[in-house]
Amino acid sequence: MIQGLSHMTFIVRDLDRMEALLTSILGAKKVYDSGDQTFSLSKERFFTVGDLWLATMEGDPLPSRTYNHIAFKIEDQDYDTLLGRINGLGLQVRESRARVEGEGQSIYFYDDDNHMFELHTGTLDERLKRYALGR
């Protein structure tokens, strides 16, 4: 049976650039760096974000940008600070989709390898309650 999420792996051209994104925006802590060794397919680094294990591996970027993304929960008061960090790294911020009041705020941004990330202030319970009210 599924017990939960084990880890997520991002294939990136530049491990250092992705490390800067993960540590400065998500507050990730690096827990492993393979250096020139390759136990897996290529050089890799492991990070923790809260209880989540994120892996990065050196390789070719995604061919295009889509709406597929991973969303991280943030607090309302951290929104502007995190947006500043994203802009400080020169990452492309995607325009947010239309929202209804009470759904929370989101920052969508792409890394240099076409992965999209979302920083979201709401919760599933809040969204379901708001959607139950209708438009």
C-alpha atoms as a PDB file:
ATOM      1  CA  MET A   1       0.000   0.000   0.000  1.00  0.00           C
ATOM      2  CA  ILE A   2       1.084   3.560  -0.633  1.00  0.00           C
ATOM      3  CA  GLN A   3       2.380   5.195   2.539  1.00  0.00           C
ATOM      4  CA  GLY A   4       2.954   8.647   1.082  1.00  0.00           C
ATOM      5  CA  LEU A   5       5.345  10.477  -1.185  1.00  0.00           C
ATOM      6  CA  SER A   6       8.906   9.119  -1.131  1.00  0.00           C
ATOM      7  CA  HIS A   7      10.727  11.787  -3.145  1.00  0.00           C
ATOM      8  CA  MET A   8      10.642  13.966  -6.245  1.00  0.00           C
ATOM      9  CA  THR A   9      13.491  14.136  -8.766  1.00  0.00           C
ATOM     10  CA  PHE A  10      14.238  17.092 -11.032  1.00  0.00           C
ATOM     11  CA  ILE A  11      16.561  16.671 -14.024  1.00  0.00           C
ATOM     12  CA  VAL A  12      18.566  19.881 -14.434  1.00  0.00           C
ATOM     13  CA  ARG A  13      21.443  21.193 -16.556  1.00  0.00           C
ATOM     14  CA  ASP A  14      23.067  23.069 -13.675  1.00  0.00           C
ATOM     15  CA  LEU A  15      23.032  21.483 -10.224  1.00  0.00           C
ATOM     16  CA  ASP A  16      24.408  24.655  -8.605  1.00  0.00           C
ATOM     17  CA  ARG A  17      21.685  26.856 -10.111  1.00  0.00           C
ATOM     18  CA  MET A  18      18.956  24.474  -8.929  1.00  0.00           C
ATOM     19  CA  GLU A  19      20.561  24.311  -5.486  1.00  0.00           C
ATOM     20  CA  ALA A  20      20.363  28.112  -5.276  1.00  0.00           C
ATOM     21  CA  LEU A  21      16.641  27.975  -6.131  1.00  0.00           C
ATOM     22  CA  LEU A  22      15.872  25.218  -3.636  1.00  0.00           C
ATOM     23  CA  THR A  23      17.839  26.707  -0.746  1.00  0.00           C
ATOM     24  CA  SER A  24      16.986  30.384  -1.168  1.00  0.00           C
ATOM     25  CA  ILE A  25      13.311  30.067  -2.112  1.00  0.00           C
ATOM     26  CA  LEU A  26      12.169  26.795  -0.529  1.00  0.00           C
ATOM     27  CA  GLY A  27      14.557  26.797   2.434  1.00  0.00           C
ATOM     28  CA  ALA A  28      15.895  23.386   1.388  1.00  0.00           C
ATOM     29  CA  LYS A  29      18.813  21.778   3.191  1.00  0.00           C
ATOM     30  CA  LYS A  30      21.349  19.831   1.121  1.00  0.00           C
ATOM     31  CA  VAL A  31      21.922  16.408   2.663  1.00  0.00           C
ATOM     32  CA  TYR A  32      23.901  14.689  -0.118  1.00  0.00           C
ATOM     33  CA  ASP A  33      26.104  15.569  -3.089  1.00  0.00           C
ATOM     34  CA  SER A  34      27.469  12.755  -5.277  1.00  0.00           C
ATOM     35  CA  GLY A  35      30.284  14.907  -6.618  1.00  0.00           C
ATOM     36  CA  ASP A  36      31.759  13.088  -9.604  1.00  0.00           C
ATOM     37  CA  GLN A  37      30.439   9.695  -8.452  1.00  0.00           C
ATOM     38  CA  THR A  38      27.352   8.352 -10.158  1.00  0.00           C
ATOM     39  CA  PHE A  39      25.468   5.758  -8.164  1.00  0.00           C
ATOM     40  CA  SER A  40      22.399   6.480 -10.266  1.00  0.00           C
ATOM     41  CA  LEU A  41      22.161   7.847 -13.829  1.00  0.00           C
ATOM     42  CA  SER A  42      24.261  10.977 -13.325  1.00  0.00           C
ATOM     43  CA  LYS A  43      25.598  13.390 -10.717  1.00  0.00           C
ATOM     44  CA  GLU A  44      22.950  14.071  -8.106  1.00  0.00           C
ATOM     45  CA  ARG A  45      22.147  16.016  -4.969  1.00  0.00           C
ATOM     46  CA  PHE A  46      19.515  15.375  -2.308  1.00  0.00           C
ATOM     47  CA  PHE A  47      17.685  18.031  -0.317  1.00  0.00           C
ATOM     48  CA  THR A  48      15.035  18.126   2.357  1.00  0.00           C
ATOM     49  CA  VAL A  49      12.208  20.655   2.449  1.00  0.00           C
ATOM     50  CA  GLY A  50      10.339  19.999   5.667  1.00  0.00           C
ATOM     51  CA  ASP A  51       9.775  16.233   5.543  1.00  0.00           C
ATOM     52  CA  LEU A  52       9.969  16.107   1.735  1.00  0.00           C
ATOM     53  CA  TRP A  53      12.994  14.604  -0.037  1.00  0.00           C
ATOM     54  CA  LEU A  54      13.895  16.386  -3.286  1.00  0.00           C
ATOM     55  CA  ALA A  55      16.540  14.991  -5.623  1.00  0.00           C
ATOM     56  CA  THR A  56      18.272  16.790  -8.466  1.00  0.00           C
ATOM     57  CA  MET A  57      20.151  14.996 -11.207  1.00  0.00           C
ATOM     58  CA  GLU A  58      22.290  16.397 -13.972  1.00  0.00           C
ATOM     59  CA  GLY A  59      20.765  15.994 -17.424  1.00  0.00           C
ATOM     60  CA  ASP A  60      18.858  17.542 -20.293  1.00  0.00           C
ATOM     61  CA  PRO A  61      16.058  20.007 -19.485  1.00  0.00           C
ATOM     62  CA  LEU A  62      12.395  19.473 -20.256  1.00  0.00           C
ATOM     63  CA  PRO A  63      11.679  20.404 -23.897  1.00  0.00           C
ATOM     64  CA  SER A  64       8.876  22.858 -23.079  1.00  0.00           C
ATOM     65  CA  ARG A  65       6.971  24.599 -20.320  1.00  0.00           C
ATOM     66  CA  THR A  66       3.557  23.358 -19.252  1.00  0.00           C
ATOM     67  CA  TYR A  67       1.159  23.852 -16.359  1.00  0.00           C
ATOM     68  CA  ASN A  68       2.420  20.642 -14.685  1.00  0.00           C
ATOM     69  CA  HIS A  69       3.853  21.797 -11.390  1.00  0.00           C
ATOM     70  CA  ILE A  70       4.637  21.134  -7.781  1.00  0.00           C
ATOM     71  CA  ALA A  71       3.068  23.464  -5.202  1.00  0.00           C
ATOM     72  CA  PHE A  72       4.513  24.339  -1.818  1.00  0.00           C
ATOM     73  CA  LYS A  73       2.434  25.796   1.020  1.00  0.00           C
ATOM     74  CA  ILE A  74       3.499  29.239   2.234  1.00  0.00           C
ATOM     75  CA  GLU A  75       2.122  31.758   4.703  1.00  0.00           C
ATOM     76  CA  ASP A  76       0.420  34.949   3.460  1.00  0.00           C
ATOM     77  CA  GLN A  77       3.013  37.137   5.178  1.00  0.00           C
ATOM     78  CA  ASP A  78       5.864  35.433   3.259  1.00  0.00           C
ATOM     79  CA  TYR A  79       4.388  36.080  -0.205  1.00  0.00           C
ATOM     80  CA  ASP A  80       6.250  39.334  -1.002  1.00  0.00           C
ATOM     81  CA  THR A  81       9.560  38.135   0.464  1.00  0.00           C
ATOM     82  CA  LEU A  82       9.498  34.953  -1.604  1.00  0.00           C
ATOM     83  CA  LEU A  83       8.459  36.805  -4.763  1.00  0.00           C
ATOM     84  CA  GLY A  84      11.478  39.058  -4.224  1.00  0.00           C
ATOM     85  CA  ARG A  85      13.786  36.036  -3.923  1.00  0.00           C
ATOM     86  CA  ILE A  86      12.366  34.535  -7.126  1.00  0.00           C
ATOM     87  CA  ASN A  87      12.886  37.809  -8.979  1.00  0.00           C
ATOM     88  CA  GLY A  88      16.365  38.106  -7.440  1.00  0.00           C
ATOM     89  CA  LEU A  89      17.350  34.809  -9.075  1.00  0.00           C
ATOM     90  CA  GLY A  90      16.075  36.070 -12.434  1.00  0.00           C
ATOM     91  CA  LEU A  91      13.432  33.334 -12.719  1.00  0.00           C
ATOM     92  CA  GLN A  92      10.402  33.781 -14.951  1.00  0.00           C
ATOM     93  CA  VAL A  93       7.219  34.388 -12.974  1.00  0.00           C
ATOM     94  CA  ARG A  94       4.100  33.125 -14.742  1.00  0.00           C
ATOM     95  CA  GLU A  95       0.915  35.110 -14.526  1.00  0.00           C
ATOM     96  CA  SER A  96      -1.420  33.579 -11.961  1.00  0.00           C
ATOM     97  CA  ARG A  97      -4.688  32.080 -13.117  1.00  0.00           C
ATOM     98  CA  ALA A  98      -7.992  33.744 -12.283  1.00  0.00           C
ATOM     99  CA  ARG A  99      -8.996  33.094  -8.680  1.00  0.00           C
ATOM    100  CA  VAL A 100     -12.079  33.450  -6.537  1.00  0.00           C
ATOM    101  CA  GLU A 101     -11.833  35.190  -3.169  1.00  0.00           C
ATOM    102  CA  GLY A 102     -10.942  32.806  -0.358  1.00  0.00           C
ATOM    103  CA  GLU A 103      -8.952  30.436  -2.563  1.00  0.00           C
ATOM    104  CA  GLY A 104      -5.541  31.767  -1.530  1.00  0.00           C
ATOM    105  CA  GLN A 105      -2.751  33.413  -3.481  1.00  0.00           C
ATOM    106  CA  SER A 106      -0.146  31.767  -5.683  1.00  0.00           C
ATOM    107  CA  ILE A 107       3.188  32.592  -7.222  1.00  0.00           C
ATOM    108  CA  TYR A 108       3.965  30.441 -10.261  1.00  0.00           C
ATOM    109  CA  PHE A 109       7.526  30.424 -11.583  1.00  0.00           C
ATOM    110  CA  TYR A 110       9.777  28.378 -13.849  1.00  0.00           C
ATOM    111  CA  ASP A 111      13.315  27.230 -13.242  1.00  0.00           C
ATOM    112  CA  ASP A 112      15.871  27.248 -16.066  1.00  0.00           C
ATOM    113  CA  ASP A 113      14.924  23.674 -17.030  1.00  0.00           C
ATOM    114  CA  ASN A 114      11.190  24.343 -17.623  1.00  0.00           C
ATOM    115  CA  HIS A 115       9.937  22.938 -14.289  1.00  0.00           C
ATOM    116  CA  MET A 116       7.092  25.002 -12.883  1.00  0.00           C
ATOM    117  CA  PHE A 117       6.777  25.633  -9.156  1.00  0.00           C
ATOM    118  CA  GLU A 118       3.910  27.177  -7.236  1.00  0.00           C
ATOM    119  CA  LEU A 119       4.024  28.834  -3.841  1.00  0.00           C
ATOM    120  CA  HIS A 120       0.471  28.807  -2.497  1.00  0.00           C
ATOM    121  CA  THR A 121      -1.050  30.400   0.603  1.00  0.00           C
ATOM    122  CA  GLY A 122      -4.215  28.297   0.795  1.00  0.00           C
ATOM    123  CA  THR A 123      -5.104  24.774   1.872  1.00  0.00           C
ATOM    124  CA  LEU A 124      -7.229  22.016   0.357  1.00  0.00           C
ATOM    125  CA  ASP A 125      -9.886  22.459   3.058  1.00  0.00           C
ATOM    126  CA  GLU A 126     -10.107  26.199   2.380  1.00  0.00           C
ATOM    127  CA  ARG A 127     -10.440  25.611  -1.359  1.00  0.00           C
ATOM    128  CA  LEU A 128     -13.117  22.948  -1.012  1.00  0.00           C
ATOM    129  CA  LYS A 129     -15.137  25.160   1.341  1.00  0.00           C
ATOM    130  CA  ARG A 130     -14.863  28.096  -1.048  1.00  0.00           C
ATOM    131  CA  TYR A 131     -15.790  26.011  -4.099  1.00  0.00           C
ATOM    132  CA  ALA A 132     -18.834  24.652  -2.263  1.00  0.00           C
ATOM    133  CA  LEU A 133     -20.130  28.230  -2.096  1.00  0.00           C
ATOM    134  CA  GLY A 134     -20.054  28.522  -5.907  1.00  0.00           C
ATOM    135  CA  ARG A 135     -18.992  31.580  -7.844  1.00  0.00           C
END
